[in-house]
C-alpha atoms as a PDB file:
ATOM      1  CA  UNK A   1     256.110  13.941 -19.245  1.00  0.00           C
ATOM      2  CA  UNK A   2     259.604  13.675 -17.801  1.00  0.00           C
ATOM      3  CA  UNK A   3     258.564  15.637 -14.708  1.00  0.00           C
ATOM      4  CA  UNK A   4     255.637  13.247 -14.100  1.00  0.00           C
ATOM      5  CA  UNK A   5     257.948  10.262 -14.322  1.00  0.00           C
ATOM      6  CA  UNK A   6     260.347  11.922 -11.876  1.00  0.00           C
ATOM      7  CA  UNK A   7     257.519  12.585  -9.391  1.00  0.00           C
ATOM      8  CA  UNK A   8     256.277   8.982  -9.677  1.00  0.00           C
ATOM      9  CA  UNK A   9     259.793   7.642  -9.098  1.00  0.00           C
ATOM     10  CA  UNK A  10     260.309   9.987  -6.174  1.00  0.00           C
ATOM     11  CA  UNK A  11     257.058   8.921  -4.513  1.00  0.00           C
ATOM     12  CA  UNK A  12     257.753   5.238  -5.221  1.00  0.00           C
ATOM     13  CA  UNK A  13     261.236   5.562  -3.763  1.00  0.00           C
ATOM     14  CA  UNK A  14     259.844   7.225  -0.658  1.00  0.00           C
ATOM     15  CA  UNK A  15     257.314   4.445  -0.144  1.00  0.00           C
ATOM     16  CA  UNK A  16     260.000   1.793  -0.657  1.00  0.00           C
ATOM     17  CA  UNK A  17     262.302   3.553   1.817  1.00  0.00           C
ATOM     18  CA  UNK A  18     259.529   3.816   4.422  1.00  0.00           C
ATOM     19  CA  UNK A  19     258.597   0.126   4.280  1.00  0.00           C
ATOM     20  CA  UNK A  20     262.203  -1.056   4.325  1.00  0.00           C
ATOM     21  CA  UNK A  21     263.350   1.242   7.120  1.00  0.00           C
ATOM     22  CA  UNK A  22     260.419   1.505   9.481  1.00  0.00           C
ATOM     23  CA  UNK A  23     260.891   0.495  13.073  1.00  0.00           C
ATOM     24  CA  UNK A  24     261.849  -3.122  13.681  1.00  0.00           C
ATOM     25  CA  UNK A  25     261.909  -2.917  17.478  1.00  0.00           C
ATOM     26  CA  UNK A  26     259.526  -1.665  20.130  1.00  0.00           C
ATOM     27  CA  UNK A  27     260.369   0.988  22.730  1.00  0.00           C
ATOM     28  CA  UNK A  28     262.055  -1.639  24.953  1.00  0.00           C
ATOM     29  CA  UNK A  29     264.274  -2.862  22.092  1.00  0.00           C
ATOM     30  CA  UNK A  30     262.422  -6.142  21.481  1.00  0.00           C
ATOM     31  CA  UNK A  31     262.076  -7.237  17.872  1.00  0.00           C
ATOM     32  CA  UNK A  32     258.585  -6.657  16.488  1.00  0.00           C
ATOM     33  CA  UNK A  33     256.656  -9.588  15.023  1.00  0.00           C
ATOM     34  CA  UNK A  34     256.750  -8.244  11.457  1.00  0.00           C
ATOM     35  CA  UNK A  35     260.554  -7.982  11.626  1.00  0.00           C
ATOM     36  CA  UNK A  36     261.209 -11.601  12.670  1.00  0.00           C
ATOM     37  CA  UNK A  37     263.056 -13.563   9.969  1.00  0.00           C
ATOM     38  CA  UNK A  38     265.030 -16.806   9.963  1.00  0.00           C
ATOM     39  CA  UNK A  39     268.250 -14.919   9.205  1.00  0.00           C
ATOM     40  CA  UNK A  40     267.672 -12.487  12.042  1.00  0.00           C
ATOM     41  CA  UNK A  41     266.799 -15.305  14.510  1.00  0.00           C
ATOM     42  CA  UNK A  42     269.919 -17.279  13.527  1.00  0.00           C
ATOM     43  CA  UNK A  43     272.028 -14.180  14.187  1.00  0.00           C
ATOM     44  CA  UNK A  44     270.367 -13.739  17.597  1.00  0.00           C
ATOM     45  CA  UNK A  45     271.003 -17.375  18.462  1.00  0.00           C
ATOM     46  CA  UNK A  46     274.737 -16.788  17.948  1.00  0.00           C
ATOM     47  CA  UNK A  47     274.564 -14.786  21.193  1.00  0.00           C
ATOM     48  CA  UNK A  48     272.873 -17.568  23.192  1.00  0.00           C
ATOM     49  CA  UNK A  49     275.060 -19.511  25.595  1.00  0.00           C
ATOM     50  CA  UNK A  50     273.803 -22.430  27.684  1.00  0.00           C
ATOM     51  CA  UNK A  51     274.736 -22.141  31.356  1.00  0.00           C
ATOM     52  CA  UNK A  52     277.070 -24.872  32.560  1.00  0.00           C
ATOM     53  CA  UNK A  53     275.581 -27.819  34.426  1.00  0.00           C
ATOM     54  CA  UNK A  54     277.647 -30.465  36.133  1.00  0.00           C
ATOM     55  CA  UNK A  55     275.224 -33.350  35.860  1.00  0.00           C
ATOM     56  CA  UNK A  56     274.369 -33.021  32.164  1.00  0.00           C
ATOM     57  CA  UNK A  57     271.497 -31.425  30.294  1.00  0.00           C
ATOM     58  CA  UNK A  58     267.932 -32.332  29.504  1.00  0.00           C
ATOM     59  CA  UNK A  59     266.017 -30.911  26.573  1.00  0.00           C
ATOM     60  CA  UNK A  60     263.582 -29.168  28.917  1.00  0.00           C
ATOM     61  CA  UNK A  61     266.417 -27.465  30.836  1.00  0.00           C
ATOM     62  CA  UNK A  62     267.935 -26.163  27.613  1.00  0.00           C
ATOM     63  CA  UNK A  63     264.482 -25.002  26.451  1.00  0.00           C
ATOM     64  CA  UNK A  64     263.958 -23.135  29.725  1.00  0.00           C
ATOM     65  CA  UNK A  65     267.260 -21.269  29.329  1.00  0.00           C
ATOM     66  CA  UNK A  66     266.492 -20.543  25.677  1.00  0.00           C
ATOM     67  CA  UNK A  67     263.033 -19.245  26.589  1.00  0.00           C
ATOM     68  CA  UNK A  68     264.578 -16.785  29.064  1.00  0.00           C
ATOM     69  CA  UNK A  69     266.886 -15.572  26.299  1.00  0.00           C
ATOM     70  CA  UNK A  70     264.182 -15.278  23.620  1.00  0.00           C
ATOM     71  CA  UNK A  71     261.682 -13.318  25.739  1.00  0.00           C
ATOM     72  CA  UNK A  72     264.328 -10.634  26.210  1.00  0.00           C
ATOM     73  CA  UNK A  73     264.795 -10.324  22.417  1.00  0.00           C
ATOM     74  CA  UNK A  74     261.338 -10.748  20.827  1.00  0.00           C
ATOM     75  CA  UNK A  75     257.906  -9.223  21.378  1.00  0.00           C
ATOM     76  CA  UNK A  76     256.026 -12.489  20.818  1.00  0.00           C
ATOM     77  CA  UNK A  77     257.517 -15.777  22.023  1.00  0.00           C
ATOM     78  CA  UNK A  78     255.191 -18.724  22.445  1.00  0.00           C
ATOM     79  CA  UNK A  79     256.482 -21.907  24.023  1.00  0.00           C
ATOM     80  CA  UNK A  80     254.909 -25.260  23.137  1.00  0.00           C
ATOM     81  CA  UNK A  81     252.744 -23.629  20.461  1.00  0.00           C
ATOM     82  CA  UNK A  82     250.060 -25.912  19.094  1.00  0.00           C
ATOM     83  CA  UNK A  83     250.131 -26.473  15.356  1.00  0.00           C
ATOM     84  CA  UNK A  84     246.826 -25.834  13.617  1.00  0.00           C
ATOM     85  CA  UNK A  85     245.103 -28.929  12.297  1.00  0.00           C
ATOM     86  CA  UNK A  86     247.059 -31.386  14.403  1.00  0.00           C
ATOM     87  CA  UNK A  87     245.917 -32.736  17.739  1.00  0.00           C
ATOM     88  CA  UNK A  88     248.604 -32.454  20.360  1.00  0.00           C
ATOM     89  CA  UNK A  89     251.431 -31.466  18.008  1.00  0.00           C
ATOM     90  CA  UNK A  90     253.382 -28.546  19.437  1.00  0.00           C
ATOM     91  CA  UNK A  91     256.514 -26.784  18.314  1.00  0.00           C
ATOM     92  CA  UNK A  92     258.962 -25.801  21.030  1.00  0.00           C
ATOM     93  CA  UNK A  93     259.006 -22.079  20.144  1.00  0.00           C
ATOM     94  CA  UNK A  94     257.011 -19.830  17.851  1.00  0.00           C
ATOM     95  CA  UNK A  95     258.472 -16.359  17.281  1.00  0.00           C
ATOM     96  CA  UNK A  96     256.654 -13.388  15.832  1.00  0.00           C
ATOM     97  CA  UNK A  97     253.237 -15.052  15.811  1.00  0.00           C
ATOM     98  CA  UNK A  98     254.085 -17.659  13.182  1.00  0.00           C
ATOM     99  CA  UNK A  99     257.016 -15.913  11.516  1.00  0.00           C
ATOM    100  CA  UNK A 100     259.626 -18.488  12.659  1.00  0.00           C
ATOM    101  CA  UNK A 101     259.357 -21.826  14.434  1.00  0.00           C
ATOM    102  CA  UNK A 102     262.138 -23.410  16.494  1.00  0.00           C
ATOM    103  CA  UNK A 103     262.351 -27.088  17.424  1.00  0.00           C
ATOM    104  CA  UNK A 104     265.000 -27.887  20.054  1.00  0.00           C
ATOM    105  CA  UNK A 105     266.861 -31.198  20.149  1.00  0.00           C
ATOM    106  CA  UNK A 106     269.838 -32.654  21.974  1.00  0.00           C
ATOM    107  CA  UNK A 107     272.281 -34.197  19.542  1.00  0.00           C
ATOM    108  CA  UNK A 108     272.809 -37.405  21.508  1.00  0.00           C
ATOM    109  CA  UNK A 109     269.079 -38.137  21.150  1.00  0.00           C
ATOM    110  CA  UNK A 110     269.222 -37.623  17.376  1.00  0.00           C
ATOM    111  CA  UNK A 111     272.154 -39.975  16.933  1.00  0.00           C
ATOM    112  CA  UNK A 112     269.783 -42.814  17.796  1.00  0.00           C
ATOM    113  CA  UNK A 113     267.772 -43.728  14.703  1.00  0.00           C
ATOM    114  CA  UNK A 114     264.453 -43.461  16.574  1.00  0.00           C
ATOM    115  CA  UNK A 115     265.304 -39.901  17.630  1.00  0.00           C
ATOM    116  CA  UNK A 116     266.051 -38.857  14.068  1.00  0.00           C
ATOM    117  CA  UNK A 117     262.901 -40.573  12.753  1.00  0.00           C
ATOM    118  CA  UNK A 118     260.812 -38.749  15.390  1.00  0.00           C
ATOM    119  CA  UNK A 119     262.364 -35.417  14.413  1.00  0.00           C
ATOM    120  CA  UNK A 120     261.708 -36.118  10.735  1.00  0.00           C
ATOM    121  CA  UNK A 121     258.031 -36.799  11.483  1.00  0.00           C
ATOM    122  CA  UNK A 122     257.761 -33.630  13.559  1.00  0.00           C
ATOM    123  CA  UNK A 123     259.388 -31.550  10.836  1.00  0.00           C
ATOM    124  CA  UNK A 124     257.009 -32.915   8.201  1.00  0.00           C
ATOM    125  CA  UNK A 125     254.013 -32.046  10.401  1.00  0.00           C
ATOM    126  CA  UNK A 126     255.312 -28.534  11.066  1.00  0.00           C
ATOM    127  CA  UNK A 127     256.095 -27.966   7.403  1.00  0.00           C
ATOM    128  CA  UNK A 128     252.750 -29.259   6.121  1.00  0.00           C
ATOM    129  CA  UNK A 129     250.670 -27.328   8.651  1.00  0.00           C
ATOM    130  CA  UNK A 130     252.447 -24.122   9.654  1.00  0.00           C
ATOM    131  CA  UNK A 131     256.090 -23.486   8.779  1.00  0.00           C
ATOM    132  CA  UNK A 132     256.158 -24.017   5.024  1.00  0.00           C
ATOM    133  CA  UNK A 133     258.078 -20.929   3.936  1.00  0.00           C
ATOM    134  CA  UNK A 134     261.550 -22.098   4.954  1.00  0.00           C
ATOM    135  CA  UNK A 135     260.821 -20.555   8.352  1.00  0.00           C
ATOM    136  CA  UNK A 136     261.582 -23.573  10.543  1.00  0.00           C
ATOM    137  CA  UNK A 137     264.816 -23.806  12.539  1.00  0.00           C
ATOM    138  CA  UNK A 138     265.996 -27.067  14.071  1.00  0.00           C
ATOM    139  CA  UNK A 139     268.196 -25.992  16.958  1.00  0.00           C
ATOM    140  CA  UNK A 140     270.525 -28.799  18.001  1.00  0.00           C
ATOM    141  CA  UNK A 141     272.614 -28.747  21.167  1.00  0.00           C
ATOM    142  CA  UNK A 142     275.573 -31.057  21.614  1.00  0.00           C
ATOM    143  CA  UNK A 143     278.951 -31.382  23.238  1.00  0.00           C
ATOM    144  CA  UNK A 144     281.927 -30.339  21.151  1.00  0.00           C
ATOM    145  CA  UNK A 145     283.079 -33.925  20.499  1.00  0.00           C
ATOM    146  CA  UNK A 146     279.559 -34.920  19.380  1.00  0.00           C
ATOM    147  CA  UNK A 147     279.406 -31.992  16.960  1.00  0.00           C
ATOM    148  CA  UNK A 148     282.611 -33.205  15.316  1.00  0.00           C
ATOM    149  CA  UNK A 149     281.146 -36.625  14.363  1.00  0.00           C
ATOM    150  CA  UNK A 150     280.633 -35.803  10.717  1.00  0.00           C
ATOM    151  CA  UNK A 151     278.742 -38.961   9.666  1.00  0.00           C
ATOM    152  CA  UNK A 152     275.952 -38.333  12.177  1.00  0.00           C
ATOM    153  CA  UNK A 153     275.804 -34.612  11.462  1.00  0.00           C
ATOM    154  CA  UNK A 154     275.697 -35.251   7.710  1.00  0.00           C
ATOM    155  CA  UNK A 155     272.757 -37.669   8.069  1.00  0.00           C
ATOM    156  CA  UNK A 156     270.877 -35.246  10.347  1.00  0.00           C
ATOM    157  CA  UNK A 157     271.499 -32.326   7.956  1.00  0.00           C
ATOM    158  CA  UNK A 158     270.236 -34.344   4.993  1.00  0.00           C
ATOM    159  CA  UNK A 159     266.935 -35.054   6.770  1.00  0.00           C
ATOM    160  CA  UNK A 160     266.529 -31.425   7.821  1.00  0.00           C
ATOM    161  CA  UNK A 161     267.285 -30.120   4.312  1.00  0.00           C
ATOM    162  CA  UNK A 162     264.745 -32.551   2.781  1.00  0.00           C
ATOM    163  CA  UNK A 163     262.008 -30.643   4.600  1.00  0.00           C
ATOM    164  CA  UNK A 164     263.361 -27.182   3.779  1.00  0.00           C
ATOM    165  CA  UNK A 165     264.239 -26.374   7.375  1.00  0.00           C
ATOM    166  CA  UNK A 166     267.448 -24.803   8.655  1.00  0.00           C
ATOM    167  CA  UNK A 167     269.783 -26.553  11.081  1.00  0.00           C
ATOM    168  CA  UNK A 168     271.648 -24.565  13.736  1.00  0.00           C
ATOM    169  CA  UNK A 169     274.128 -26.246  16.083  1.00  0.00           C
ATOM    170  CA  UNK A 170     275.114 -24.860  19.467  1.00  0.00           C
ATOM    171  CA  UNK A 171     277.861 -26.340  21.599  1.00  0.00           C
ATOM    172  CA  UNK A 172     277.138 -27.209  25.219  1.00  0.00           C
ATOM    173  CA  UNK A 173     279.760 -26.133  27.767  1.00  0.00           C
END
C-alpha cells in the first residue's frame, strides 16, 4: 500500500515538474504563446525605452516603437487586433494569441476628461468581449512631470482598477 502511494506521488510529481518547467521560449528565444502572462509582460516592458524625439510624441509613433520591441520578445504579436463580437473595436496589441492585451495611451490625452471616458469605454469593451481574466494592460506614456501629478494618476488608476485591468506607466525621455 505504501509503495503504491509512493509511486503515485512520484509520477504525479514528475508530471507537475514537466508542465511547470517545459520550454517557455522557442529556438530563437522568443516567448511562446502558452508562456505569456501579465506578470511576464510587465517585466518585459521594464526593458522598453522610447527613443527620444525633439518635436514630441504621437500615440502611433510610440506604438510603432513598442511593436518593434515586442516582435523581438514574443512569438505572436498582433497589432490592432479586432475584438470578437464588436465591429471596428481593436486593441493596440494582442500577445500570445489572446493571452494578454495591451492598450497604449499618452498621459496628456487621458488628463482630458473625454480621453479618460474613451479609455473607460474601450476597457469595458475589451473586458466584456476578450480580456476578462485580468489579462489587460493599459500602458500609459508620459513625461516625468506629468507622471508626478498624483490627482490625475489617482483618477486614471481608479478607472483602470474598476475594470480589473493593470496600469503600467513609462516615462518619455
